[in-house]
Amino acid sequence: QVQPVESGGGLVQAGGSLRLSCAASGRSISNYNTGWFRQAPGKEREFVARIIRSGGRTDYVDSVKGRFTISRDNAKNTVYLQMNSLKPEDSAVYYCAVSSWYYGSSPGSYDYWGQGTQVTVSE
């Protein structure tokens, strides 16, 4: 069983950058497709970005295209989410999730989740 662990969240001003990390324990993250999701207070959890296990394909929600980049370093057993040009509406708890077979945007289809990391973007 794999256990994702997120890190890298924090408080940043609008226009700033953060890099989130999703490190895997238990098994190699190279065996899994990985997604980043976020959830703001009072809102549903939403898809942000995903990367296929090989790293050969990535997809993003329209609102972050051109600003966020998902990548993976299987040697470090880690998936990253580089977030640039951050906006206040990006503020949320960000979650990493993995699946051995599913490559999509539905949170319910991912098998293992991290505990989340808070991202707060101030005006």
PDB file of N, CA and C in Angstrom:
ATOM      1  N   GLN A   1       0.840  -1.190   0.000  1.00  0.00           N
ATOM      2  CA  GLN A   1       0.000   0.000   0.000  1.00  0.00           C
ATOM      3  C   GLN A   1       0.877   1.242   0.000  1.00  0.00           C
ATOM      4  N   VAL A   2       0.484   2.251  -0.766  1.00  0.00           N
ATOM      5  CA  VAL A   2       1.253   3.489  -0.859  1.00  0.00           C
ATOM      6  C   VAL A   2       0.570   4.553  -0.019  1.00  0.00           C
ATOM      7  N   GLN A   3       1.337   5.416   0.580  1.00  0.00           N
ATOM      8  CA  GLN A   3       0.806   6.526   1.346  1.00  0.00           C
ATOM      9  C   GLN A   3       1.415   7.824   0.855  1.00  0.00           C
ATOM     10  N   PRO A   4       0.614   8.668   0.192  1.00  0.00           N
ATOM     11  CA  PRO A   4       1.135   9.968  -0.231  1.00  0.00           C
ATOM     12  C   PRO A   4       1.224  10.934   0.938  1.00  0.00           C
ATOM     13  N   VAL A   5       2.248  11.772   0.914  1.00  0.00           N
ATOM     14  CA  VAL A   5       2.426  12.802   1.941  1.00  0.00           C
ATOM     15  C   VAL A   5       2.761  14.111   1.250  1.00  0.00           C
ATOM     16  N   GLU A   6       1.894  15.118   1.426  1.00  0.00           N
ATOM     17  CA  GLU A   6       2.098  16.414   0.790  1.00  0.00           C
ATOM     18  C   GLU A   6       2.921  17.331   1.698  1.00  0.00           C
ATOM     19  N   SER A   7       3.623  18.247   1.062  1.00  0.00           N
ATOM     20  CA  SER A   7       4.343  19.298   1.772  1.00  0.00           C
ATOM     21  C   SER A   7       4.518  20.478   0.837  1.00  0.00           C
ATOM     22  N   GLY A   8       4.924  21.604   1.405  1.00  0.00           N
ATOM     23  CA  GLY A   8       5.249  22.757   0.588  1.00  0.00           C
ATOM     24  C   GLY A   8       4.222  23.870   0.599  1.00  0.00           C
ATOM     25  N   GLY A   9       3.101  23.663   1.268  1.00  0.00           N
ATOM     26  CA  GLY A   9       2.112  24.725   1.329  1.00  0.00           C
ATOM     27  C   GLY A   9       2.570  25.882   2.198  1.00  0.00           C
ATOM     28  N   GLY A  10       1.797  26.953   2.173  1.00  0.00           N
ATOM     29  CA  GLY A  10       2.145  28.107   2.987  1.00  0.00           C
ATOM     30  C   GLY A  10       1.358  29.327   2.584  1.00  0.00           C
ATOM     31  N   LEU A  11       1.800  30.468   3.090  1.00  0.00           N
ATOM     32  CA  LEU A  11       1.178  31.753   2.806  1.00  0.00           C
ATOM     33  C   LEU A  11       2.046  32.510   1.814  1.00  0.00           C
ATOM     34  N   VAL A  12       1.436  33.001   0.756  1.00  0.00           N
ATOM     35  CA  VAL A  12       2.175  33.723  -0.277  1.00  0.00           C
ATOM     36  C   VAL A  12       1.312  34.874  -0.781  1.00  0.00           C
ATOM     37  N   GLN A  13       1.941  35.923  -1.241  1.00  0.00           N
ATOM     38  CA  GLN A  13       1.194  37.038  -1.821  1.00  0.00           C
ATOM     39  C   GLN A  13       0.763  36.710  -3.251  1.00  0.00           C
ATOM     40  N   ALA A  14      -0.284  37.349  -3.682  1.00  0.00           N
ATOM     41  CA  ALA A  14      -0.745  37.178  -5.063  1.00  0.00           C
ATOM     42  C   ALA A  14       0.400  37.480  -6.029  1.00  0.00           C
ATOM     43  N   GLY A  15       0.516  36.635  -7.044  1.00  0.00           N
ATOM     44  CA  GLY A  15       1.603  36.755  -7.999  1.00  0.00           C
ATOM     45  C   GLY A  15       2.825  35.928  -7.636  1.00  0.00           C
ATOM     46  N   GLY A  16       2.846  35.390  -6.440  1.00  0.00           N
ATOM     47  CA  GLY A  16       3.978  34.598  -5.990  1.00  0.00           C
ATOM     48  C   GLY A  16       3.899  33.151  -6.440  1.00  0.00           C
ATOM     49  N   SER A  17       4.856  32.360  -5.948  1.00  0.00           N
ATOM     50  CA  SER A  17       4.971  30.960  -6.350  1.00  0.00           C
ATOM     51  C   SER A  17       5.144  30.053  -5.144  1.00  0.00           C
ATOM     52  N   LEU A  18       4.698  28.836  -5.303  1.00  0.00           N
ATOM     53  CA  LEU A  18       4.946  27.769  -4.342  1.00  0.00           C
ATOM     54  C   LEU A  18       5.161  26.482  -5.120  1.00  0.00           C
ATOM     55  N   ARG A  19       5.928  25.576  -4.539  1.00  0.00           N
ATOM     56  CA  ARG A  19       6.049  24.243  -5.109  1.00  0.00           C
ATOM     57  C   ARG A  19       5.604  23.224  -4.081  1.00  0.00           C
ATOM     58  N   LEU A  20       4.577  22.497  -4.425  1.00  0.00           N
ATOM     59  CA  LEU A  20       4.088  21.425  -3.563  1.00  0.00           C
ATOM     60  C   LEU A  20       4.771  20.116  -3.945  1.00  0.00           C
ATOM     61  N   SER A  21       5.004  19.302  -2.936  1.00  0.00           N
ATOM     62  CA  SER A  21       5.590  17.984  -3.159  1.00  0.00           C
ATOM     63  C   SER A  21       4.649  16.913  -2.637  1.00  0.00           C
ATOM     64  N   CYS A  22       4.624  15.799  -3.342  1.00  0.00           N
ATOM     65  CA  CYS A  22       3.867  14.628  -2.912  1.00  0.00           C
ATOM     66  C   CYS A  22       4.855  13.464  -2.886  1.00  0.00           C
ATOM     67  N   ALA A  23       5.279  13.119  -1.697  1.00  0.00           N
ATOM     68  CA  ALA A  23       6.216  12.018  -1.533  1.00  0.00           C
ATOM     69  C   ALA A  23       5.442  10.763  -1.174  1.00  0.00           C
ATOM     70  N   ALA A  24       5.902   9.644  -1.675  1.00  0.00           N
ATOM     71  CA  ALA A  24       5.198   8.381  -1.430  1.00  0.00           C
ATOM     72  C   ALA A  24       5.995   7.503  -0.490  1.00  0.00           C
ATOM     73  N   SER A  25       5.295   6.895   0.435  1.00  0.00           N
ATOM     74  CA  SER A  25       5.919   5.890   1.291  1.00  0.00           C
ATOM     75  C   SER A  25       5.195   4.573   1.094  1.00  0.00           C
ATOM     76  N   GLY A  26       5.888   3.483   1.321  1.00  0.00           N
ATOM     77  CA  GLY A  26       5.278   2.172   1.202  1.00  0.00           C
ATOM     78  C   GLY A  26       5.556   1.485  -0.117  1.00  0.00           C
ATOM     79  N   ARG A  27       5.294   2.184  -1.209  1.00  0.00           N
ATOM     80  CA  ARG A  27       5.556   1.637  -2.530  1.00  0.00           C
ATOM     81  C   ARG A  27       6.045   2.758  -3.429  1.00  0.00           C
ATOM     82  N   SER A  28       6.596   2.369  -4.576  1.00  0.00           N
ATOM     83  CA  SER A  28       7.112   3.366  -5.504  1.00  0.00           C
ATOM     84  C   SER A  28       5.970   4.122  -6.170  1.00  0.00           C
ATOM     85  N   ILE A  29       6.077   5.443  -6.192  1.00  0.00           N
ATOM     86  CA  ILE A  29       5.043   6.255  -6.831  1.00  0.00           C
ATOM     87  C   ILE A  29       5.050   6.076  -8.338  1.00  0.00           C
ATOM     88  N   SER A  30       6.112   5.486  -8.877  1.00  0.00           N
ATOM     89  CA  SER A  30       6.172   5.245 -10.319  1.00  0.00           C
ATOM     90  C   SER A  30       5.121   4.235 -10.768  1.00  0.00           C
ATOM     91  N   ASN A  31       4.538   3.513  -9.821  1.00  0.00           N
ATOM     92  CA  ASN A  31       3.486   2.540 -10.152  1.00  0.00           C
ATOM     93  C   ASN A  31       2.110   3.182 -10.272  1.00  0.00           C
ATOM     94  N   TYR A  32       2.016   4.485 -10.021  1.00  0.00           N
ATOM     95  CA  TYR A  32       0.722   5.136  -9.883  1.00  0.00           C
ATOM     96  C   TYR A  32       0.577   6.374 -10.745  1.00  0.00           C
ATOM     97  N   ASN A  33      -0.612   6.552 -11.282  1.00  0.00           N
ATOM     98  CA  ASN A  33      -1.001   7.839 -11.817  1.00  0.00           C
ATOM     99  C   ASN A  33      -1.312   8.743 -10.624  1.00  0.00           C
ATOM    100  N   THR A  34      -0.967  10.014 -10.735  1.00  0.00           N
ATOM    101  CA  THR A  34      -1.079  10.923  -9.599  1.00  0.00           C
ATOM    102  C   THR A  34      -1.882  12.166  -9.954  1.00  0.00           C
ATOM    103  N   GLY A  35      -2.749  12.544  -9.058  1.00  0.00           N
ATOM    104  CA  GLY A  35      -3.535  13.752  -9.251  1.00  0.00           C
ATOM    105  C   GLY A  35      -3.372  14.703  -8.085  1.00  0.00           C
ATOM    106  N   TRP A  36      -3.474  15.984  -8.392  1.00  0.00           N
ATOM    107  CA  TRP A  36      -3.569  17.024  -7.371  1.00  0.00           C
ATOM    108  C   TRP A  36      -4.996  17.569  -7.380  1.00  0.00           C
ATOM    109  N   PHE A  37      -5.550  17.717  -6.202  1.00  0.00           N
ATOM    110  CA  PHE A  37      -6.890  18.258  -6.025  1.00  0.00           C
ATOM    111  C   PHE A  37      -6.816  19.368  -4.983  1.00  0.00           C
ATOM    112  N   ARG A  38      -7.853  20.185  -4.928  1.00  0.00           N
ATOM    113  CA  ARG A  38      -7.899  21.220  -3.897  1.00  0.00           C
ATOM    114  C   ARG A  38      -9.326  21.384  -3.408  1.00  0.00           C
ATOM    115  N   GLN A  39      -9.425  21.841  -2.175  1.00  0.00           N
ATOM    116  CA  GLN A  39     -10.731  22.069  -1.586  1.00  0.00           C
ATOM    117  C   GLN A  39     -10.687  23.327  -0.740  1.00  0.00           C
ATOM    118  N   ALA A  40     -11.501  24.289  -1.135  1.00  0.00           N
ATOM    119  CA  ALA A  40     -11.654  25.528  -0.381  1.00  0.00           C
ATOM    120  C   ALA A  40     -12.830  25.379   0.580  1.00  0.00           C
ATOM    121  N   PRO A  41     -12.859  26.180   1.649  1.00  0.00           N
ATOM    122  CA  PRO A  41     -13.956  26.077   2.620  1.00  0.00           C
ATOM    123  C   PRO A  41     -15.317  26.230   1.963  1.00  0.00           C
ATOM    124  N   GLY A  42     -16.214  25.308   2.250  1.00  0.00           N
ATOM    125  CA  GLY A  42     -17.562  25.371   1.722  1.00  0.00           C
ATOM    126  C   GLY A  42     -17.712  24.931   0.282  1.00  0.00           C
ATOM    127  N   LYS A  43     -16.622  24.463  -0.306  1.00  0.00           N
ATOM    128  CA  LYS A  43     -16.670  24.038  -1.710  1.00  0.00           C
ATOM    129  C   LYS A  43     -16.317  22.560  -1.828  1.00  0.00           C
ATOM    130  N   GLU A  44     -16.694  21.985  -2.954  1.00  0.00           N
ATOM    131  CA  GLU A  44     -16.344  20.593  -3.211  1.00  0.00           C
ATOM    132  C   GLU A  44     -14.874  20.482  -3.617  1.00  0.00           C
ATOM    133  N   ARG A  45     -14.349  19.299  -3.389  1.00  0.00           N
ATOM    134  CA  ARG A  45     -12.978  19.036  -3.817  1.00  0.00           C
ATOM    135  C   ARG A  45     -12.933  19.046  -5.339  1.00  0.00           C
ATOM    136  N   GLU A  46     -11.965  19.760  -5.899  1.00  0.00           N
ATOM    137  CA  GLU A  46     -11.891  19.867  -7.352  1.00  0.00           C
ATOM    138  C   GLU A  46     -10.532  19.416  -7.874  1.00  0.00           C
ATOM    139  N   PHE A  47     -10.588  18.885  -9.079  1.00  0.00           N
ATOM    140  CA  PHE A  47      -9.387  18.456  -9.780  1.00  0.00           C
ATOM    141  C   PHE A  47      -8.547  19.662 -10.162  1.00  0.00           C
ATOM    142  N   VAL A  48      -7.230  19.535 -10.028  1.00  0.00           N
ATOM    143  CA  VAL A  48      -6.316  20.600 -10.418  1.00  0.00           C
ATOM    144  C   VAL A  48      -5.401  20.139 -11.556  1.00  0.00           C
ATOM    145  N   ALA A  49      -4.729  19.010 -11.367  1.00  0.00           N
ATOM    146  CA  ALA A  49      -3.771  18.530 -12.363  1.00  0.00           C
ATOM    147  C   ALA A  49      -3.538  17.036 -12.151  1.00  0.00           C
ATOM    148  N   ARG A  50      -3.097  16.376 -13.193  1.00  0.00           N
ATOM    149  CA  ARG A  50      -2.780  14.960 -13.077  1.00  0.00           C
ATOM    150  C   ARG A  50      -1.615  14.626 -13.998  1.00  0.00           C
ATOM    151  N   ILE A  51      -0.926  13.536 -13.649  1.00  0.00           N
ATOM    152  CA  ILE A  51       0.210  13.083 -14.447  1.00  0.00           C
ATOM    153  C   ILE A  51       0.176  11.564 -14.482  1.00  0.00           C
ATOM    154  N   ILE A  52       0.355  11.023 -15.671  1.00  0.00           N
ATOM    155  CA  ILE A  52       0.340   9.576 -15.833  1.00  0.00           C
ATOM    156  C   ILE A  52       1.613   8.983 -15.239  1.00  0.00           C
ATOM    157  N   ARG A  53       1.590   7.714 -14.930  1.00  0.00           N
ATOM    158  CA  ARG A  53       2.698   7.132 -14.176  1.00  0.00           C
ATOM    159  C   ARG A  53       4.049   7.285 -14.882  1.00  0.00           C
ATOM    160  N   SER A  54       4.035   7.224 -16.211  1.00  0.00           N
ATOM    161  CA  SER A  54       5.284   7.361 -16.957  1.00  0.00           C
ATOM    162  C   SER A  54       5.778   8.808 -17.024  1.00  0.00           C
ATOM    163  N   GLY A  55       4.888   9.732 -16.718  1.00  0.00           N
ATOM    164  CA  GLY A  55       5.214  11.150 -16.853  1.00  0.00           C
ATOM    165  C   GLY A  55       4.992  11.682 -18.253  1.00  0.00           C
ATOM    166  N   GLY A  56       4.525  10.833 -19.160  1.00  0.00           N
ATOM    167  CA  GLY A  56       4.400  11.225 -20.551  1.00  0.00           C
ATOM    168  C   GLY A  56       3.144  12.005 -20.886  1.00  0.00           C
ATOM    169  N   ARG A  57       2.248  12.152 -19.942  1.00  0.00           N
ATOM    170  CA  ARG A  57       1.037  12.927 -20.200  1.00  0.00           C
ATOM    171  C   ARG A  57       0.646  13.663 -18.922  1.00  0.00           C
ATOM    172  N   THR A  58       0.233  14.907 -19.123  1.00  0.00           N
ATOM    173  CA  THR A  58      -0.279  15.712 -18.025  1.00  0.00           C
ATOM    174  C   THR A  58      -1.551  16.423 -18.476  1.00  0.00           C
ATOM    175  N   ASP A  59      -2.411  16.745 -17.522  1.00  0.00           N
ATOM    176  CA  ASP A  59      -3.650  17.471 -17.812  1.00  0.00           C
ATOM    177  C   ASP A  59      -3.932  18.435 -16.668  1.00  0.00           C
ATOM    178  N   TYR A  60      -4.633  19.536 -17.004  1.00  0.00           N
ATOM    179  CA  TYR A  60      -4.891  20.578 -16.016  1.00  0.00           C
ATOM    180  C   TYR A  60      -6.326  21.071 -16.134  1.00  0.00           C
ATOM    181  N   VAL A  61      -6.846  21.546 -15.029  1.00  0.00           N
ATOM    182  CA  VAL A  61      -8.100  22.283 -15.085  1.00  0.00           C
ATOM    183  C   VAL A  61      -7.821  23.615 -15.759  1.00  0.00           C
ATOM    184  N   ASP A  62      -8.794  24.127 -16.485  1.00  0.00           N
ATOM    185  CA  ASP A  62      -8.569  25.330 -17.282  1.00  0.00           C
ATOM    186  C   ASP A  62      -8.062  26.508 -16.452  1.00  0.00           C
ATOM    187  N   SER A  63      -8.526  26.629 -15.220  1.00  0.00           N
ATOM    188  CA  SER A  63      -8.195  27.802 -14.410  1.00  0.00           C
ATOM    189  C   SER A  63      -6.721  27.870 -14.008  1.00  0.00           C
ATOM    190  N   VAL A  64      -5.973  26.781 -14.158  1.00  0.00           N
ATOM    191  CA  VAL A  64      -4.558  26.814 -13.774  1.00  0.00           C
ATOM    192  C   VAL A  64      -3.622  26.622 -14.963  1.00  0.00           C
ATOM    193  N   LYS A  65      -4.162  26.388 -16.143  1.00  0.00           N
ATOM    194  CA  LYS A  65      -3.315  26.185 -17.319  1.00  0.00           C
ATOM    195  C   LYS A  65      -2.430  27.396 -17.546  1.00  0.00           C
ATOM    196  N   GLY A  66      -1.148  27.128 -17.793  1.00  0.00           N
ATOM    197  CA  GLY A  66      -0.195  28.196 -18.018  1.00  0.00           C
ATOM    198  C   GLY A  66       0.414  28.752 -16.751  1.00  0.00           C
ATOM    199  N   ARG A  67      -0.143  28.377 -15.605  1.00  0.00           N
ATOM    200  CA  ARG A  67       0.391  28.854 -14.320  1.00  0.00           C
ATOM    201  C   ARG A  67       0.957  27.711 -13.470  1.00  0.00           C
ATOM    202  N   PHE A  68       0.328  26.551 -13.527  1.00  0.00           N
ATOM    203  CA  PHE A  68       0.752  25.402 -12.726  1.00  0.00           C
ATOM    204  C   PHE A  68       1.414  24.360 -13.627  1.00  0.00           C
ATOM    205  N   THR A  69       2.392  23.667 -13.075  1.00  0.00           N
ATOM    206  CA  THR A  69       3.047  22.573 -13.789  1.00  0.00           C
ATOM    207  C   THR A  69       3.190  21.376 -12.864  1.00  0.00           C
ATOM    208  N   ILE A  70       2.687  20.236 -13.313  1.00  0.00           N
ATOM    209  CA  ILE A  70       2.850  18.994 -12.559  1.00  0.00           C
ATOM    210  C   ILE A  70       3.992  18.200 -13.180  1.00  0.00           C
ATOM    211  N   SER A  71       4.795  17.611 -12.336  1.00  0.00           N
ATOM    212  CA  SER A  71       5.918  16.816 -12.823  1.00  0.00           C
ATOM    213  C   SER A  71       6.203  15.708 -11.821  1.00  0.00           C
ATOM    214  N   ARG A  72       7.020  14.768 -12.245  1.00  0.00           N
ATOM    215  CA  ARG A  72       7.352  13.687 -11.323  1.00  0.00           C
ATOM    216  C   ARG A  72       8.824  13.343 -11.449  1.00  0.00           C
ATOM    217  N   ASP A  73       9.393  12.934 -10.339  1.00  0.00           N
ATOM    218  CA  ASP A  73      10.756  12.434 -10.297  1.00  0.00           C
ATOM    219  C   ASP A  73      10.662  11.069  -9.634  1.00  0.00           C
ATOM    220  N   ASN A  74      10.563  10.046 -10.449  1.00  0.00           N
ATOM    221  CA  ASN A  74      10.359   8.712  -9.897  1.00  0.00           C
ATOM    222  C   ASN A  74      11.564   8.249  -9.093  1.00  0.00           C
ATOM    223  N   ALA A  75      12.741   8.753  -9.419  1.00  0.00           N
ATOM    224  CA  ALA A  75      13.941   8.386  -8.655  1.00  0.00           C
ATOM    225  C   ALA A  75      13.847   8.908  -7.224  1.00  0.00           C
ATOM    226  N   LYS A  76      13.157  10.044  -7.055  1.00  0.00           N
ATOM    227  CA  LYS A  76      12.971  10.615  -5.716  1.00  0.00           C
ATOM    228  C   LYS A  76      11.625  10.221  -5.127  1.00  0.00           C
ATOM    229  N   ASN A  77      10.873   9.412  -5.903  1.00  0.00           N
ATOM    230  CA  ASN A  77       9.580   8.928  -5.426  1.00  0.00           C
ATOM    231  C   ASN A  77       8.646  10.078  -5.075  1.00  0.00           C
ATOM    232  N   THR A  78       8.664  11.119  -5.907  1.00  0.00           N
ATOM    233  CA  THR A  78       7.944  12.349  -5.593  1.00  0.00           C
ATOM    234  C   THR A  78       7.287  12.930  -6.847  1.00  0.00           C
ATOM    235  N   VAL A  79       6.092  13.483  -6.648  1.00  0.00           N
ATOM    236  CA  VAL A  79       5.411  14.257  -7.680  1.00  0.00           C
ATOM    237  C   VAL A  79       5.314  15.695  -7.181  1.00  0.00           C
ATOM    238  N   TYR A  80       5.513  16.638  -8.098  1.00  0.00           N
ATOM    239  CA  TYR A  80       5.529  18.050  -7.734  1.00  0.00           C
ATOM    240  C   TYR A  80       4.387  18.795  -8.412  1.00  0.00           C
ATOM    241  N   LEU A  81       3.982  19.885  -7.785  1.00  0.00           N
ATOM    242  CA  LEU A  81       3.068  20.839  -8.408  1.00  0.00           C
ATOM    243  C   LEU A  81       3.679  22.220  -8.238  1.00  0.00           C
ATOM    244  N   GLN A  82       4.255  22.729  -9.317  1.00  0.00           N
ATOM    245  CA  GLN A  82       4.809  24.079  -9.320  1.00  0.00           C
ATOM    246  C   GLN A  82       3.684  25.058  -9.621  1.00  0.00           C
ATOM    247  N   MET A  83       3.474  25.983  -8.716  1.00  0.00           N
ATOM    248  CA  MET A  83       2.380  26.938  -8.854  1.00  0.00           C
ATOM    249  C   MET A  83       2.953  28.349  -8.952  1.00  0.00           C
ATOM    250  N   ASN A  84       2.749  28.974 -10.098  1.00  0.00           N
ATOM    251  CA  ASN A  84       3.225  30.335 -10.339  1.00  0.00           C
ATOM    252  C   ASN A  84       2.041  31.275 -10.526  1.00  0.00           C
ATOM    253  N   SER A  85       2.314  32.556 -10.425  1.00  0.00           N
ATOM    254  CA  SER A  85       1.275  33.585 -10.628  1.00  0.00           C
ATOM    255  C   SER A  85       0.033  33.265  -9.801  1.00  0.00           C
ATOM    256  N   LEU A  86       0.247  32.968  -8.552  1.00  0.00           N
ATOM    257  CA  LEU A  86      -0.858  32.552  -7.696  1.00  0.00           C
ATOM    258  C   LEU A  86      -1.865  33.671  -7.491  1.00  0.00           C
ATOM    259  N   LYS A  87      -3.108  33.274  -7.377  1.00  0.00           N
ATOM    260  CA  LYS A  87      -4.218  34.201  -7.178  1.00  0.00           C
ATOM    261  C   LYS A  87      -4.924  33.855  -5.863  1.00  0.00           C
ATOM    262  N   PRO A  88      -5.610  34.813  -5.271  1.00  0.00           N
ATOM    263  CA  PRO A  88      -6.344  34.519  -4.032  1.00  0.00           C
ATOM    264  C   PRO A  88      -7.320  33.354  -4.188  1.00  0.00           C
ATOM    265  N   GLU A  89      -7.885  33.209  -5.374  1.00  0.00           N
ATOM    266  CA  GLU A  89      -8.839  32.110  -5.577  1.00  0.00           C
ATOM    267  C   GLU A  89      -8.167  30.741  -5.646  1.00  0.00           C
ATOM    268  N   ASP A  90      -6.844  30.703  -5.638  1.00  0.00           N
ATOM    269  CA  ASP A  90      -6.126  29.422  -5.552  1.00  0.00           C
ATOM    270  C   ASP A  90      -6.017  28.926  -4.113  1.00  0.00           C
ATOM    271  N   SER A  91      -6.412  29.756  -3.154  1.00  0.00           N
ATOM    272  CA  SER A  91      -6.319  29.374  -1.749  1.00  0.00           C
ATOM    273  C   SER A  91      -7.209  28.168  -1.466  1.00  0.00           C
ATOM    274  N   ALA A  92      -6.625  27.149  -0.855  1.00  0.00           N
ATOM    275  CA  ALA A  92      -7.353  25.909  -0.571  1.00  0.00           C
ATOM    276  C   ALA A  92      -6.407  24.945   0.128  1.00  0.00           C
ATOM    277  N   VAL A  93      -6.965  23.848   0.589  1.00  0.00           N
ATOM    278  CA  VAL A  93      -6.136  22.724   0.988  1.00  0.00           C
ATOM    279  C   VAL A  93      -5.894  21.889  -0.262  1.00  0.00           C
ATOM    280  N   TYR A  94      -4.636  21.607  -0.528  1.00  0.00           N
ATOM    281  CA  TYR A  94      -4.253  20.842  -1.714  1.00  0.00           C
ATOM    282  C   TYR A  94      -3.931  19.408  -1.300  1.00  0.00           C
ATOM    283  N   TYR A  95      -4.506  18.485  -2.059  1.00  0.00           N
ATOM    284  CA  TYR A  95      -4.339  17.064  -1.785  1.00  0.00           C
ATOM    285  C   TYR A  95      -3.689  16.360  -2.974  1.00  0.00           C
ATOM    286  N   CYS A  96      -2.873  15.394  -2.646  1.00  0.00           N
ATOM    287  CA  CYS A  96      -2.293  14.499  -3.639  1.00  0.00           C
ATOM    288  C   CYS A  96      -3.008  13.158  -3.533  1.00  0.00           C
ATOM    289  N   ALA A  97      -3.304  12.552  -4.666  1.00  0.00           N
ATOM    290  CA  ALA A  97      -3.970  11.259  -4.680  1.00  0.00           C
ATOM    291  C   ALA A  97      -3.376  10.400  -5.783  1.00  0.00           C
ATOM    292  N   VAL A  98      -3.392   9.093  -5.571  1.00  0.00           N
ATOM    293  CA  VAL A  98      -2.801   8.185  -6.555  1.00  0.00           C
ATOM    294  C   VAL A  98      -3.755   7.043  -6.869  1.00  0.00           C
ATOM    295  N   SER A  99      -3.591   6.509  -8.070  1.00  0.00           N
ATOM    296  CA  SER A  99      -4.346   5.338  -8.495  1.00  0.00           C
ATOM    297  C   SER A  99      -3.458   4.478  -9.373  1.00  0.00           C
ATOM    298  N   SER A 100      -3.580   3.183  -9.217  1.00  0.00           N
ATOM    299  CA  SER A 100      -2.781   2.273 -10.031  1.00  0.00           C
ATOM    300  C   SER A 100      -3.368   2.098 -11.420  1.00  0.00           C
ATOM    301  N   TRP A 101      -4.624   2.527 -11.633  1.00  0.00           N
ATOM    302  CA  TRP A 101      -5.244   2.299 -12.942  1.00  0.00           C
ATOM    303  C   TRP A 101      -5.993   3.511 -13.488  1.00  0.00           C
ATOM    304  N   TYR A 102      -6.532   4.352 -12.614  1.00  0.00           N
ATOM    305  CA  TYR A 102      -7.395   5.439 -13.055  1.00  0.00           C
ATOM    306  C   TYR A 102      -6.568   6.662 -13.413  1.00  0.00           C
ATOM    307  N   TYR A 103      -6.930   7.264 -14.541  1.00  0.00           N
ATOM    308  CA  TYR A 103      -6.289   8.510 -14.948  1.00  0.00           C
ATOM    309  C   TYR A 103      -7.404   9.455 -15.363  1.00  0.00           C
ATOM    310  N   GLY A 104      -7.944  10.170 -14.383  1.00  0.00           N
ATOM    311  CA  GLY A 104      -9.056  11.052 -14.678  1.00  0.00           C
ATOM    312  C   GLY A 104      -9.143  12.160 -13.649  1.00  0.00           C
ATOM    313  N   SER A 105     -10.294  12.836 -13.617  1.00  0.00           N
ATOM    314  CA  SER A 105     -10.459  13.989 -12.742  1.00  0.00           C
ATOM    315  C   SER A 105     -11.464  13.769 -11.616  1.00  0.00           C
ATOM    316  N   SER A 106     -11.969  12.561 -11.483  1.00  0.00           N
ATOM    317  CA  SER A 106     -12.940  12.277 -10.430  1.00  0.00           C
ATOM    318  C   SER A 106     -12.233  11.889  -9.139  1.00  0.00           C
ATOM    319  N   PRO A 107     -12.405  12.667  -8.072  1.00  0.00           N
ATOM    320  CA  PRO A 107     -11.714  12.343  -6.819  1.00  0.00           C
ATOM    321  C   PRO A 107     -12.048  10.943  -6.296  1.00  0.00           C
ATOM    322  N   GLY A 108     -13.282  10.519  -6.470  1.00  0.00           N
ATOM    323  CA  GLY A 108     -13.714   9.249  -5.917  1.00  0.00           C
ATOM    324  C   GLY A 108     -13.057   8.034  -6.528  1.00  0.00           C
ATOM    325  N   SER A 109     -12.377   8.218  -7.646  1.00  0.00           N
ATOM    326  CA  SER A 109     -11.756   7.085  -8.323  1.00  0.00           C
ATOM    327  C   SER A 109     -10.288   6.912  -7.994  1.00  0.00           C
ATOM    328  N   TYR A 110      -9.754   7.789  -7.178  1.00  0.00           N
ATOM    329  CA  TYR A 110      -8.379   7.630  -6.723  1.00  0.00           C
ATOM    330  C   TYR A 110      -8.367   6.815  -5.429  1.00  0.00           C
ATOM    331  N   ASP A 111      -7.339   5.998  -5.287  1.00  0.00           N
ATOM    332  CA  ASP A 111      -7.335   5.004  -4.220  1.00  0.00           C
ATOM    333  C   ASP A 111      -6.735   5.498  -2.909  1.00  0.00           C
ATOM    334  N   TYR A 112      -5.671   6.273  -2.985  1.00  0.00           N
ATOM    335  CA  TYR A 112      -4.958   6.675  -1.777  1.00  0.00           C
ATOM    336  C   TYR A 112      -4.744   8.182  -1.790  1.00  0.00           C
ATOM    337  N   TRP A 113      -4.936   8.783  -0.619  1.00  0.00           N
ATOM    338  CA  TRP A 113      -4.881  10.231  -0.476  1.00  0.00           C
ATOM    339  C   TRP A 113      -3.917  10.637   0.630  1.00  0.00           C
ATOM    340  N   GLY A 114      -3.298  11.804   0.431  1.00  0.00           N
ATOM    341  CA  GLY A 114      -2.522  12.402   1.494  1.00  0.00           C
ATOM    342  C   GLY A 114      -3.416  13.200   2.427  1.00  0.00           C
ATOM    343  N   GLN A 115      -2.792  13.813   3.416  1.00  0.00           N
ATOM    344  CA  GLN A 115      -3.544  14.542   4.436  1.00  0.00           C
ATOM    345  C   GLN A 115      -3.828  15.991   4.029  1.00  0.00           C
ATOM    346  N   GLY A 116      -3.175  16.452   3.005  1.00  0.00           N
ATOM    347  CA  GLY A 116      -3.397  17.796   2.505  1.00  0.00           C
ATOM    348  C   GLY A 116      -2.400  18.802   3.040  1.00  0.00           C
ATOM    349  N   THR A 117      -2.206  19.871   2.282  1.00  0.00           N
ATOM    350  CA  THR A 117      -1.345  20.975   2.695  1.00  0.00           C
ATOM    351  C   THR A 117      -2.052  22.282   2.339  1.00  0.00           C
ATOM    352  N   GLN A 118      -2.038  23.226   3.264  1.00  0.00           N
ATOM    353  CA  GLN A 118      -2.779  24.469   3.099  1.00  0.00           C
ATOM    354  C   GLN A 118      -1.994  25.457   2.240  1.00  0.00           C
ATOM    355  N   VAL A 119      -2.668  26.021   1.264  1.00  0.00           N
ATOM    356  CA  VAL A 119      -2.114  27.105   0.460  1.00  0.00           C
ATOM    357  C   VAL A 119      -3.016  28.317   0.649  1.00  0.00           C
ATOM    358  N   THR A 120      -2.429  29.415   1.070  1.00  0.00           N
ATOM    359  CA  THR A 120      -3.174  30.651   1.259  1.00  0.00           C
ATOM    360  C   THR A 120      -2.499  31.748   0.461  1.00  0.00           C
ATOM    361  N   VAL A 121      -3.266  32.393  -0.415  1.00  0.00           N
ATOM    362  CA  VAL A 121      -2.747  33.460  -1.253  1.00  0.00           C
ATOM    363  C   VAL A 121      -3.423  34.759  -0.838  1.00  0.00           C
ATOM    364  N   SER A 122      -2.626  35.707  -0.388  1.00  0.00           N
ATOM    365  CA  SER A 122      -3.176  36.986   0.065  1.00  0.00           C
ATOM    366  C   SER A 122      -3.189  38.000  -1.076  1.00  0.00           C
ATOM    367  N   GLU A 123      -4.054  39.020  -0.927  1.00  0.00           N
ATOM    368  CA  GLU A 123      -4.176  40.047  -1.958  1.00  0.00           C
ATOM    369  C   GLU A 123      -2.877  40.837  -2.102  1.00  0.00           C
TER     370      GLU A 123
END
